[in-house]
Amino acid sequence: MDYVLEKENQARELFRDGRNCSQSVFCTFCEDFGIDFETGLKLSSSFGGGMGKLREVCGAVSGMFMIAGLKFGYSSNDDLDAKACHYKLIQDLAEEFKQKHDTIICRELLGIVSDGFVPSKRTEEYYKTRPCEECIATAARITAKILYEAKIKG
């Protein structure tokens, strides 16, 4: 399970380097999927702050869902069983995240209803007063665990 701890730490580092919550989770796994880092940053950039600071679904959770889609997603519109299986996985991932943080909604995690569109400056106070790093660590850990288990099962 070194892989899981490695990915959790990598996601924390990306966040501490100034990446948003979604980028921190998604880009942790870019190399696993052959996605170049800059493309990963751009693809996941819109989901930070609960989707562009709308404070909706936590960006770390969105990053986790995007990786789950890359690994386990469906592509056929007609395969209702595959869709149902994937949606169940997504709901299970959300539930696992909720067990640790009570919600997947950014504004509920932060206690912030709305704070505009300007990103907050990353200061030591910012990192001390927000649960974001722990949410990122949780999402990265859950993601790494399902990828690791899938690899073991073949």
N, C-alpha and C. Protein backbone atom coordinates (compact mmCIF):
# COMPACT_ATOMS: atom_id res chain seq x y z
N MET A 1 0.82 -1.21 0.00
CA MET A 1 0.00 0.00 0.00
C MET A 1 0.86 1.27 0.00
N ASP A 2 2.14 1.10 -0.29
CA ASP A 2 2.99 2.28 -0.43
C ASP A 2 2.46 3.20 -1.52
N TYR A 3 1.86 2.61 -2.55
CA TYR A 3 1.28 3.38 -3.65
C TYR A 3 0.24 4.35 -3.12
N VAL A 4 -0.60 3.90 -2.21
CA VAL A 4 -1.68 4.74 -1.66
C VAL A 4 -1.09 5.91 -0.89
N LEU A 5 -0.14 5.65 -0.02
CA LEU A 5 0.49 6.71 0.77
C LEU A 5 1.26 7.68 -0.13
N GLU A 6 1.94 7.14 -1.13
CA GLU A 6 2.68 7.97 -2.08
C GLU A 6 1.74 8.94 -2.80
N LYS A 7 0.59 8.45 -3.24
CA LYS A 7 -0.36 9.29 -3.97
C LYS A 7 -0.99 10.32 -3.04
N GLU A 8 -1.30 9.92 -1.84
CA GLU A 8 -1.85 10.87 -0.86
C GLU A 8 -0.86 12.00 -0.61
N ASN A 9 0.40 11.67 -0.40
CA ASN A 9 1.43 12.69 -0.16
C ASN A 9 1.65 13.57 -1.38
N GLN A 10 1.62 12.98 -2.56
CA GLN A 10 1.79 13.75 -3.80
C GLN A 10 0.66 14.77 -3.95
N ALA A 11 -0.57 14.37 -3.66
CA ALA A 11 -1.71 15.28 -3.75
C ALA A 11 -1.57 16.43 -2.75
N ARG A 12 -1.14 16.10 -1.54
CA ARG A 12 -0.91 17.15 -0.53
C ARG A 12 0.14 18.15 -1.03
N GLU A 13 1.23 17.64 -1.60
CA GLU A 13 2.30 18.51 -2.09
C GLU A 13 1.80 19.42 -3.21
N LEU A 14 1.02 18.88 -4.12
CA LEU A 14 0.48 19.71 -5.20
C LEU A 14 -0.37 20.85 -4.64
N PHE A 15 -1.17 20.54 -3.65
CA PHE A 15 -2.00 21.58 -3.02
C PHE A 15 -1.11 22.62 -2.33
N ARG A 16 -0.11 22.16 -1.60
CA ARG A 16 0.80 23.08 -0.90
C ARG A 16 1.61 23.93 -1.89
N ASP A 17 1.73 23.44 -3.12
CA ASP A 17 2.43 24.21 -4.16
C ASP A 17 1.50 25.19 -4.87
N GLY A 18 0.24 25.25 -4.45
CA GLY A 18 -0.68 26.25 -4.99
C GLY A 18 -1.70 25.73 -5.98
N ARG A 19 -1.73 24.44 -6.23
CA ARG A 19 -2.73 23.89 -7.14
C ARG A 19 -4.08 23.86 -6.43
N ASN A 20 -5.16 23.93 -7.20
CA ASN A 20 -6.47 23.87 -6.55
C ASN A 20 -6.77 22.43 -6.15
N CYS A 21 -7.87 22.25 -5.45
CA CYS A 21 -8.20 20.93 -4.89
C CYS A 21 -8.40 19.87 -5.97
N SER A 22 -9.08 20.22 -7.04
CA SER A 22 -9.31 19.26 -8.11
C SER A 22 -8.01 18.93 -8.83
N GLN A 23 -7.21 19.93 -9.13
CA GLN A 23 -5.92 19.71 -9.78
C GLN A 23 -5.03 18.81 -8.92
N SER A 24 -5.06 19.03 -7.62
CA SER A 24 -4.21 18.27 -6.71
C SER A 24 -4.52 16.79 -6.75
N VAL A 25 -5.79 16.44 -6.83
CA VAL A 25 -6.17 15.04 -6.90
C VAL A 25 -5.97 14.50 -8.31
N PHE A 26 -6.54 15.17 -9.30
CA PHE A 26 -6.49 14.67 -10.66
C PHE A 26 -5.06 14.50 -11.16
N CYS A 27 -4.24 15.52 -10.96
CA CYS A 27 -2.88 15.49 -11.51
C CYS A 27 -1.97 14.51 -10.79
N THR A 28 -2.33 14.12 -9.60
CA THR A 28 -1.60 13.08 -8.90
C THR A 28 -1.59 11.78 -9.71
N PHE A 29 -2.64 11.56 -10.50
CA PHE A 29 -2.79 10.32 -11.24
C PHE A 29 -2.58 10.46 -12.74
N CYS A 30 -2.20 11.64 -13.21
CA CYS A 30 -2.02 11.85 -14.65
C CYS A 30 -1.03 10.86 -15.25
N GLU A 31 0.08 10.68 -14.60
CA GLU A 31 1.12 9.79 -15.13
C GLU A 31 0.60 8.36 -15.28
N ASP A 32 -0.25 7.93 -14.36
CA ASP A 32 -0.82 6.58 -14.41
C ASP A 32 -1.65 6.36 -15.68
N PHE A 33 -2.16 7.45 -16.25
CA PHE A 33 -3.03 7.35 -17.42
C PHE A 33 -2.41 7.92 -18.68
N GLY A 34 -1.14 8.28 -18.61
CA GLY A 34 -0.45 8.82 -19.79
C GLY A 34 -0.93 10.20 -20.18
N ILE A 35 -1.40 10.96 -19.20
CA ILE A 35 -1.86 12.34 -19.44
C ILE A 35 -0.75 13.29 -19.01
N ASP A 36 -0.34 14.19 -19.90
CA ASP A 36 0.72 15.09 -19.50
C ASP A 36 0.20 16.06 -18.44
N PHE A 37 1.10 16.46 -17.58
CA PHE A 37 0.76 17.24 -16.39
C PHE A 37 0.01 18.53 -16.74
N GLU A 38 0.49 19.27 -17.71
CA GLU A 38 -0.15 20.55 -18.06
C GLU A 38 -1.57 20.33 -18.56
N THR A 39 -1.79 19.31 -19.36
CA THR A 39 -3.14 18.98 -19.81
C THR A 39 -4.02 18.65 -18.61
N GLY A 40 -3.48 17.87 -17.69
CA GLY A 40 -4.22 17.53 -16.47
C GLY A 40 -4.59 18.76 -15.67
N LEU A 41 -3.65 19.69 -15.55
CA LEU A 41 -3.93 20.93 -14.82
C LEU A 41 -5.07 21.70 -15.47
N LYS A 42 -5.01 21.81 -16.79
CA LYS A 42 -6.05 22.57 -17.50
C LYS A 42 -7.40 21.87 -17.40
N LEU A 43 -7.41 20.56 -17.61
CA LEU A 43 -8.65 19.79 -17.58
C LEU A 43 -9.35 19.90 -16.22
N SER A 44 -8.59 19.86 -15.16
CA SER A 44 -9.18 19.87 -13.82
C SER A 44 -9.31 21.26 -13.21
N SER A 45 -8.79 22.28 -13.86
CA SER A 45 -8.76 23.63 -13.28
C SER A 45 -10.14 24.21 -12.98
N SER A 46 -11.13 23.88 -13.76
CA SER A 46 -12.47 24.46 -13.59
C SER A 46 -13.21 23.95 -12.36
N PHE A 47 -12.73 22.85 -11.78
CA PHE A 47 -13.46 22.21 -10.69
C PHE A 47 -13.01 22.66 -9.32
N GLY A 48 -11.95 23.48 -9.24
CA GLY A 48 -11.48 23.98 -7.95
C GLY A 48 -12.51 24.89 -7.30
N GLY A 49 -12.47 24.91 -5.98
CA GLY A 49 -13.40 25.77 -5.23
C GLY A 49 -14.85 25.33 -5.39
N GLY A 50 -15.04 24.05 -5.58
CA GLY A 50 -16.41 23.57 -5.74
C GLY A 50 -17.00 24.00 -7.06
N MET A 51 -16.21 23.90 -8.12
CA MET A 51 -16.58 24.25 -9.48
C MET A 51 -16.51 25.77 -9.68
N GLY A 52 -15.31 26.24 -9.89
CA GLY A 52 -15.10 27.66 -10.17
C GLY A 52 -15.51 28.57 -9.02
N LYS A 53 -15.27 28.13 -7.80
CA LYS A 53 -15.62 28.87 -6.57
C LYS A 53 -17.12 29.06 -6.41
N LEU A 54 -17.90 28.21 -7.06
CA LEU A 54 -19.35 28.24 -6.82
C LEU A 54 -19.69 27.56 -5.50
N ARG A 55 -18.71 26.84 -4.95
CA ARG A 55 -18.86 26.13 -3.68
C ARG A 55 -19.88 25.00 -3.75
N GLU A 56 -19.91 24.34 -4.90
CA GLU A 56 -20.79 23.18 -5.08
C GLU A 56 -20.01 21.91 -4.70
N VAL A 57 -19.95 20.90 -5.56
CA VAL A 57 -19.23 19.67 -5.22
C VAL A 57 -17.75 19.99 -5.03
N CYS A 58 -17.18 19.50 -3.95
CA CYS A 58 -15.77 19.69 -3.62
C CYS A 58 -14.90 19.31 -4.82
N GLY A 59 -13.95 20.15 -5.14
CA GLY A 59 -13.06 19.89 -6.26
C GLY A 59 -12.25 18.61 -6.10
N ALA A 60 -11.87 18.28 -4.88
CA ALA A 60 -11.14 17.03 -4.64
C ALA A 60 -12.00 15.84 -5.02
N VAL A 61 -13.28 15.92 -4.70
CA VAL A 61 -14.22 14.86 -5.06
C VAL A 61 -14.39 14.80 -6.58
N SER A 62 -14.50 15.95 -7.21
CA SER A 62 -14.60 15.98 -8.68
C SER A 62 -13.38 15.36 -9.32
N GLY A 63 -12.19 15.65 -8.79
CA GLY A 63 -10.97 15.05 -9.31
C GLY A 63 -10.98 13.53 -9.15
N MET A 64 -11.47 13.08 -8.01
CA MET A 64 -11.60 11.64 -7.76
C MET A 64 -12.55 11.01 -8.76
N PHE A 65 -13.67 11.67 -9.02
CA PHE A 65 -14.66 11.14 -9.97
C PHE A 65 -14.09 11.10 -11.39
N MET A 66 -13.30 12.11 -11.76
CA MET A 66 -12.72 12.12 -13.10
C MET A 66 -11.76 10.95 -13.30
N ILE A 67 -10.95 10.68 -12.28
CA ILE A 67 -10.02 9.54 -12.38
C ILE A 67 -10.81 8.23 -12.42
N ALA A 68 -11.86 8.13 -11.62
CA ALA A 68 -12.71 6.92 -11.66
C ALA A 68 -13.29 6.72 -13.06
N GLY A 69 -13.67 7.81 -13.69
CA GLY A 69 -14.20 7.72 -15.06
C GLY A 69 -13.16 7.26 -16.05
N LEU A 70 -11.93 7.75 -15.90
CA LEU A 70 -10.86 7.30 -16.79
C LEU A 70 -10.61 5.81 -16.67
N LYS A 71 -10.65 5.30 -15.45
CA LYS A 71 -10.33 3.89 -15.23
C LYS A 71 -11.54 2.97 -15.42
N PHE A 72 -12.69 3.39 -14.93
CA PHE A 72 -13.83 2.48 -14.86
C PHE A 72 -15.06 2.97 -15.62
N GLY A 73 -14.94 4.11 -16.32
CA GLY A 73 -16.09 4.71 -16.99
C GLY A 73 -16.61 3.89 -18.16
N TYR A 74 -17.75 4.30 -18.64
CA TYR A 74 -18.39 3.63 -19.78
C TYR A 74 -18.34 4.57 -20.98
N SER A 75 -18.52 4.01 -22.17
CA SER A 75 -18.53 4.85 -23.37
C SER A 75 -19.73 4.58 -24.26
N SER A 76 -20.46 3.53 -24.01
CA SER A 76 -21.62 3.19 -24.84
C SER A 76 -22.89 3.80 -24.26
N ASN A 77 -23.61 4.54 -25.06
CA ASN A 77 -24.89 5.12 -24.61
C ASN A 77 -25.94 4.07 -24.34
N ASP A 78 -25.81 2.92 -24.97
CA ASP A 78 -26.83 1.88 -24.89
C ASP A 78 -26.61 0.88 -23.77
N ASP A 79 -25.47 0.90 -23.15
CA ASP A 79 -25.15 -0.09 -22.12
C ASP A 79 -25.61 0.42 -20.75
N LEU A 80 -26.87 0.20 -20.47
CA LEU A 80 -27.45 0.69 -19.21
C LEU A 80 -26.83 0.00 -18.00
N ASP A 81 -26.44 -1.24 -18.15
CA ASP A 81 -25.79 -1.94 -17.03
C ASP A 81 -24.45 -1.30 -16.69
N ALA A 82 -23.68 -0.95 -17.72
CA ALA A 82 -22.39 -0.29 -17.49
C ALA A 82 -22.58 1.08 -16.84
N LYS A 83 -23.58 1.81 -17.29
CA LYS A 83 -23.88 3.11 -16.68
C LYS A 83 -24.24 2.95 -15.22
N ALA A 84 -25.12 1.99 -14.95
CA ALA A 84 -25.57 1.76 -13.56
C ALA A 84 -24.39 1.34 -12.69
N CYS A 85 -23.54 0.48 -13.19
CA CYS A 85 -22.37 0.02 -12.45
C CYS A 85 -21.44 1.21 -12.13
N HIS A 86 -21.25 2.07 -13.13
CA HIS A 86 -20.37 3.22 -12.92
C HIS A 86 -21.00 4.22 -11.94
N TYR A 87 -22.26 4.49 -12.09
CA TYR A 87 -22.92 5.42 -11.16
C TYR A 87 -22.90 4.89 -9.74
N LYS A 88 -23.03 3.57 -9.58
CA LYS A 88 -22.92 2.97 -8.25
C LYS A 88 -21.53 3.21 -7.68
N LEU A 89 -20.49 3.01 -8.51
CA LEU A 89 -19.13 3.26 -8.06
C LEU A 89 -18.99 4.71 -7.59
N ILE A 90 -19.47 5.64 -8.38
CA ILE A 90 -19.36 7.06 -8.03
C ILE A 90 -20.08 7.35 -6.71
N GLN A 91 -21.26 6.79 -6.55
CA GLN A 91 -22.00 6.99 -5.29
C GLN A 91 -21.27 6.35 -4.12
N ASP A 92 -20.66 5.20 -4.35
CA ASP A 92 -19.88 4.55 -3.29
C ASP A 92 -18.66 5.39 -2.90
N LEU A 93 -17.99 5.97 -3.89
CA LEU A 93 -16.85 6.83 -3.61
C LEU A 93 -17.29 8.06 -2.82
N ALA A 94 -18.40 8.65 -3.23
CA ALA A 94 -18.94 9.81 -2.51
C ALA A 94 -19.26 9.44 -1.06
N GLU A 95 -19.85 8.29 -0.87
CA GLU A 95 -20.22 7.84 0.48
C GLU A 95 -18.97 7.63 1.34
N GLU A 96 -17.94 7.05 0.74
CA GLU A 96 -16.70 6.86 1.50
C GLU A 96 -16.09 8.20 1.91
N PHE A 97 -16.12 9.18 1.01
CA PHE A 97 -15.64 10.52 1.34
C PHE A 97 -16.50 11.14 2.45
N LYS A 98 -17.80 10.97 2.34
CA LYS A 98 -18.73 11.53 3.35
C LYS A 98 -18.52 10.91 4.72
N GLN A 99 -18.14 9.65 4.76
CA GLN A 99 -17.90 9.01 6.06
C GLN A 99 -16.81 9.73 6.83
N LYS A 100 -15.88 10.32 6.14
CA LYS A 100 -14.78 11.05 6.78
C LYS A 100 -15.10 12.53 6.98
N HIS A 101 -15.84 13.14 6.02
CA HIS A 101 -16.03 14.59 6.03
C HIS A 101 -17.49 15.05 6.12
N ASP A 102 -18.43 14.13 6.20
CA ASP A 102 -19.86 14.39 6.36
C ASP A 102 -20.58 14.90 5.12
N THR A 103 -19.86 15.42 4.15
CA THR A 103 -20.49 16.00 2.96
C THR A 103 -19.48 16.01 1.81
N ILE A 104 -19.99 16.16 0.59
CA ILE A 104 -19.11 16.37 -0.56
C ILE A 104 -19.29 17.79 -1.11
N ILE A 105 -20.04 18.62 -0.41
CA ILE A 105 -20.34 19.99 -0.86
C ILE A 105 -19.32 20.97 -0.28
N CYS A 106 -18.65 21.68 -1.14
CA CYS A 106 -17.58 22.60 -0.76
C CYS A 106 -18.02 23.61 0.30
N ARG A 107 -19.14 24.29 0.08
CA ARG A 107 -19.55 25.33 1.02
C ARG A 107 -19.84 24.76 2.41
N GLU A 108 -20.30 23.50 2.46
CA GLU A 108 -20.54 22.86 3.75
C GLU A 108 -19.22 22.46 4.41
N LEU A 109 -18.28 22.03 3.63
CA LEU A 109 -16.95 21.68 4.16
C LEU A 109 -16.25 22.92 4.71
N LEU A 110 -16.38 24.04 4.00
CA LEU A 110 -15.68 25.27 4.39
C LEU A 110 -16.48 26.18 5.31
N GLY A 111 -17.80 26.01 5.33
CA GLY A 111 -18.64 26.94 6.07
C GLY A 111 -18.71 28.30 5.39
N ILE A 112 -18.56 28.30 4.06
CA ILE A 112 -18.58 29.53 3.25
C ILE A 112 -19.71 29.39 2.24
N VAL A 113 -20.63 30.33 2.22
CA VAL A 113 -21.72 30.29 1.24
C VAL A 113 -21.21 30.75 -0.11
N SER A 114 -20.62 31.91 -0.15
CA SER A 114 -20.08 32.44 -1.40
C SER A 114 -19.02 33.45 -1.06
N ASP A 115 -17.95 33.46 -1.82
CA ASP A 115 -16.90 34.45 -1.58
C ASP A 115 -16.30 34.95 -2.89
N GLY A 116 -17.19 35.09 -3.89
CA GLY A 116 -16.77 35.67 -5.16
C GLY A 116 -15.97 34.72 -6.01
N PHE A 117 -15.29 35.29 -6.99
CA PHE A 117 -14.55 34.47 -7.94
C PHE A 117 -13.04 34.63 -7.82
N VAL A 118 -12.57 35.56 -7.02
CA VAL A 118 -11.14 35.80 -6.89
C VAL A 118 -10.55 34.75 -5.95
N PRO A 119 -9.53 34.03 -6.41
CA PRO A 119 -8.94 33.00 -5.54
C PRO A 119 -8.27 33.61 -4.32
N SER A 120 -8.32 32.88 -3.24
CA SER A 120 -7.67 33.32 -2.00
C SER A 120 -6.16 33.15 -2.12
N LYS A 121 -5.43 34.08 -1.50
CA LYS A 121 -3.98 33.96 -1.47
C LYS A 121 -3.61 32.80 -0.55
N ARG A 122 -2.64 32.05 -0.98
CA ARG A 122 -2.17 30.90 -0.20
C ARG A 122 -1.15 31.38 0.83
N THR A 123 -1.61 31.43 2.05
CA THR A 123 -0.75 31.81 3.17
C THR A 123 -0.78 30.68 4.19
N GLU A 124 0.09 30.75 5.18
CA GLU A 124 0.05 29.74 6.25
C GLU A 124 -1.32 29.76 6.93
N GLU A 125 -1.90 30.93 7.11
CA GLU A 125 -3.23 31.04 7.72
C GLU A 125 -4.28 30.33 6.88
N TYR A 126 -4.18 30.50 5.57
CA TYR A 126 -5.10 29.82 4.64
C TYR A 126 -5.04 28.31 4.88
N TYR A 127 -3.84 27.77 4.90
CA TYR A 127 -3.68 26.33 5.05
C TYR A 127 -4.12 25.85 6.44
N LYS A 128 -3.94 26.67 7.46
CA LYS A 128 -4.32 26.29 8.83
C LYS A 128 -5.84 26.28 9.04
N THR A 129 -6.55 27.18 8.34
CA THR A 129 -7.97 27.37 8.63
C THR A 129 -8.92 26.62 7.70
N ARG A 130 -8.39 25.93 6.72
CA ARG A 130 -9.25 25.22 5.77
C ARG A 130 -9.05 23.72 5.85
N PRO A 131 -10.12 22.97 5.63
CA PRO A 131 -10.01 21.51 5.64
C PRO A 131 -9.56 20.94 4.29
N CYS A 132 -9.25 21.80 3.35
CA CYS A 132 -8.99 21.38 1.97
C CYS A 132 -7.90 20.32 1.86
N GLU A 133 -6.79 20.49 2.55
CA GLU A 133 -5.71 19.53 2.41
C GLU A 133 -6.14 18.14 2.88
N GLU A 134 -6.92 18.09 3.94
CA GLU A 134 -7.40 16.78 4.42
C GLU A 134 -8.42 16.18 3.44
N CYS A 135 -9.24 17.03 2.84
CA CYS A 135 -10.20 16.54 1.83
C CYS A 135 -9.46 16.00 0.62
N ILE A 136 -8.42 16.69 0.21
CA ILE A 136 -7.58 16.26 -0.91
C ILE A 136 -6.91 14.93 -0.59
N ALA A 137 -6.38 14.83 0.61
CA ALA A 137 -5.72 13.59 1.03
C ALA A 137 -6.71 12.43 1.03
N THR A 138 -7.90 12.67 1.52
CA THR A 138 -8.94 11.63 1.54
C THR A 138 -9.29 11.19 0.12
N ALA A 139 -9.53 12.14 -0.77
CA ALA A 139 -9.91 11.81 -2.15
C ALA A 139 -8.78 11.07 -2.86
N ALA A 140 -7.54 11.50 -2.64
CA ALA A 140 -6.40 10.83 -3.26
C ALA A 140 -6.24 9.41 -2.71
N ARG A 141 -6.43 9.26 -1.41
CA ARG A 141 -6.31 7.94 -0.78
C ARG A 141 -7.37 6.98 -1.31
N ILE A 142 -8.62 7.45 -1.39
CA ILE A 142 -9.71 6.62 -1.91
C ILE A 142 -9.42 6.22 -3.36
N THR A 143 -8.99 7.19 -4.15
CA THR A 143 -8.69 6.94 -5.56
C THR A 143 -7.55 5.95 -5.71
N ALA A 144 -6.47 6.17 -4.98
CA ALA A 144 -5.32 5.27 -5.06
C ALA A 144 -5.71 3.86 -4.63
N LYS A 145 -6.54 3.77 -3.63
CA LYS A 145 -6.96 2.46 -3.13
C LYS A 145 -7.73 1.69 -4.20
N ILE A 146 -8.67 2.35 -4.90
CA ILE A 146 -9.44 1.62 -5.91
C ILE A 146 -8.58 1.27 -7.12
N LEU A 147 -7.62 2.14 -7.46
CA LEU A 147 -6.72 1.82 -8.57
C LEU A 147 -5.79 0.67 -8.19
N TYR A 148 -5.30 0.69 -6.97
CA TYR A 148 -4.41 -0.38 -6.49
C TYR A 148 -5.15 -1.71 -6.47
N GLU A 149 -6.37 -1.69 -5.96
CA GLU A 149 -7.17 -2.92 -5.91
C GLU A 149 -7.47 -3.44 -7.31
N ALA A 150 -7.75 -2.54 -8.24
CA ALA A 150 -8.03 -2.95 -9.62
C ALA A 150 -6.79 -3.58 -10.25
N LYS A 151 -5.62 -3.04 -9.93
CA LYS A 151 -4.37 -3.56 -10.47
C LYS A 151 -4.11 -4.97 -9.93
N ILE A 152 -4.38 -5.17 -8.66
CA ILE A 152 -4.15 -6.48 -8.04
C ILE A 152 -5.11 -7.52 -8.65
N LYS A 153 -6.35 -7.12 -8.88
CA LYS A 153 -7.34 -8.04 -9.43
C LYS A 153 -7.11 -8.32 -10.91
N GLY A 154 -6.29 -7.45 -11.51
CA GLY A 154 -5.95 -7.66 -12.92
C GLY A 154 -6.88 -6.95 -13.79
